[in-house]
Amino acid sequence: MKSLKNSVQLIGRLGNNPEVKTFDSGKKMATFSMATNETYYNNKGEKVTDTQWHNIVLWGKKVDIADQYLQKGSEIALEGKLINRSYEKEGQKKYITEITANDFLMLGKKE
């Protein structure tokens, strides 16, 4: 159970193409948004779909795979961990929650 302390598993679709950055050290990072949907029926019997958006970050060799094969609308399953960070912009502190993915699996049909 030790590995469950900070573990996230999601299946969803990319909201945008991966944006790849290469740092001076040669290390690569990719970022993209991902939507997950939950469908349920409310107390009136109406079908409701709740969409949640997640900020995803990839590092290392997975970046090249994501850059080559993933695009807006691609369905993937991923496993990673939650990361909370903050920064200052125009004197105000901003907070961000991201998911740093350790691994992902491409789902859906081959194109």
Protein backbone atom coordinates (compact mmCIF):
# COMPACT_ATOMS: atom_id res chain seq x y z
CA MET A 1 0.00 0.00 0.00
CA LYS A 2 3.05 2.26 0.20
CA SER A 3 2.70 3.16 -3.49
CA LEU A 4 -0.89 4.39 -2.94
CA LYS A 5 0.10 7.44 -0.91
CA ASN A 6 0.04 9.78 -3.91
CA SER A 7 -1.26 7.88 -6.91
CA VAL A 8 -3.63 8.98 -9.67
CA GLN A 9 -5.08 6.88 -12.48
CA LEU A 10 -7.17 8.51 -15.21
CA ILE A 11 -8.73 7.67 -18.55
CA GLY A 12 -9.65 10.61 -20.73
CA ARG A 13 -9.05 12.62 -23.87
CA LEU A 14 -6.48 15.30 -24.62
CA GLY A 15 -7.87 18.82 -24.78
CA ASN A 16 -4.91 20.09 -26.81
CA ASN A 17 -1.78 18.83 -28.56
CA PRO A 18 1.18 18.21 -26.25
CA GLU A 19 3.42 21.26 -25.88
CA VAL A 20 7.06 20.15 -25.71
CA LYS A 21 9.84 22.18 -24.11
CA THR A 22 13.54 21.29 -24.18
CA PHE A 23 15.69 22.79 -21.42
CA ASP A 24 19.36 23.81 -21.68
CA SER A 25 20.31 20.59 -19.89
CA GLY A 26 18.65 18.59 -22.69
CA LYS A 27 15.82 17.44 -20.43
CA LYS A 28 12.39 17.45 -22.12
CA MET A 29 8.95 18.20 -20.72
CA ALA A 30 5.51 17.94 -22.34
CA THR A 31 2.32 19.51 -21.03
CA PHE A 32 -1.29 19.10 -22.10
CA SER A 33 -4.79 19.22 -20.69
CA MET A 34 -6.94 16.13 -20.31
CA ALA A 35 -10.69 15.79 -19.85
CA THR A 36 -12.37 13.04 -17.86
CA ASN A 37 -16.13 12.51 -17.95
CA GLU A 38 -18.46 11.06 -15.34
CA THR A 39 -22.06 10.35 -16.32
CA TYR A 40 -24.86 9.95 -13.80
CA TYR A 41 -28.60 10.50 -13.42
CA ASN A 42 -29.81 13.33 -11.19
CA ASN A 43 -32.82 13.12 -8.86
CA LYS A 44 -35.13 14.12 -11.77
CA GLY A 45 -33.91 11.15 -13.80
CA GLU A 46 -32.00 13.33 -16.24
CA LYS A 47 -28.67 12.13 -17.59
CA VAL A 48 -25.86 14.48 -16.53
CA THR A 49 -22.25 14.42 -17.76
CA ASP A 50 -19.68 16.08 -15.52
CA THR A 51 -16.38 16.95 -17.24
CA GLN A 52 -13.25 17.60 -15.18
CA TRP A 53 -10.09 19.11 -16.71
CA HIS A 54 -6.62 18.10 -15.56
CA ASN A 55 -3.19 19.60 -16.29
CA ILE A 56 -0.75 16.82 -17.24
CA VAL A 57 3.06 16.96 -17.23
CA LEU A 58 5.37 14.35 -18.79
CA TRP A 59 9.16 14.10 -18.43
CA GLY A 60 11.91 12.05 -20.10
CA LYS A 61 11.49 9.49 -22.86
CA LYS A 62 7.69 9.57 -22.65
CA VAL A 63 7.82 13.11 -24.07
CA ASP A 64 9.06 11.89 -27.47
CA ILE A 65 6.27 9.28 -27.66
CA ALA A 66 3.64 11.85 -26.69
CA ASP A 67 4.98 14.37 -29.20
CA GLN A 68 4.92 11.81 -32.01
CA TYR A 69 1.62 10.01 -31.36
CA LEU A 70 -0.69 12.11 -29.17
CA GLN A 71 -2.91 14.90 -30.41
CA LYS A 72 -6.02 16.76 -29.35
CA GLY A 73 -8.83 14.22 -28.87
CA SER A 74 -6.53 11.21 -28.32
CA GLU A 75 -7.81 8.85 -25.63
CA ILE A 76 -5.23 7.71 -23.07
CA ALA A 77 -4.97 6.03 -19.71
CA LEU A 78 -2.32 7.40 -17.39
CA GLU A 79 -0.81 6.79 -13.97
CA GLY A 80 0.97 9.47 -12.02
CA LYS A 81 0.97 11.65 -8.92
CA LEU A 82 -0.54 14.95 -7.84
CA ILE A 83 1.76 17.95 -7.62
CA ASN A 84 0.76 21.26 -6.05
CA ARG A 85 2.88 24.33 -6.72
CA SER A 86 2.58 28.08 -6.54
CA TYR A 87 4.10 31.14 -8.18
CA GLU A 88 3.68 34.90 -8.06
CA LYS A 89 2.23 36.91 -10.91
CA GLU A 90 1.76 40.65 -10.69
CA GLY A 91 2.15 40.50 -6.91
CA GLN A 92 -0.51 37.83 -6.42
CA LYS A 93 0.18 34.24 -5.46
CA LYS A 94 -1.25 31.69 -7.92
CA TYR A 95 -1.74 27.99 -7.14
CA ILE A 96 -1.64 25.11 -9.63
CA THR A 97 -2.46 21.42 -9.26
CA GLU A 98 -0.92 19.18 -11.90
CA ILE A 99 -0.56 15.48 -12.51
CA THR A 100 2.97 14.33 -13.26
CA ALA A 101 2.46 11.18 -15.31
CA ASN A 102 4.83 8.26 -14.76
CA ASP A 103 3.35 6.24 -17.59
CA PHE A 104 0.55 6.38 -20.15
CA LEU A 105 -1.17 4.00 -22.53
CA MET A 106 -2.73 5.04 -25.82
CA LEU A 107 -6.31 3.81 -26.18
CA GLY A 108 -8.75 3.79 -29.07
CA LYS A 109 -8.31 2.88 -32.71
CA LYS A 110 -5.08 3.03 -34.69
CA GLU A 111 -5.12 5.86 -37.20
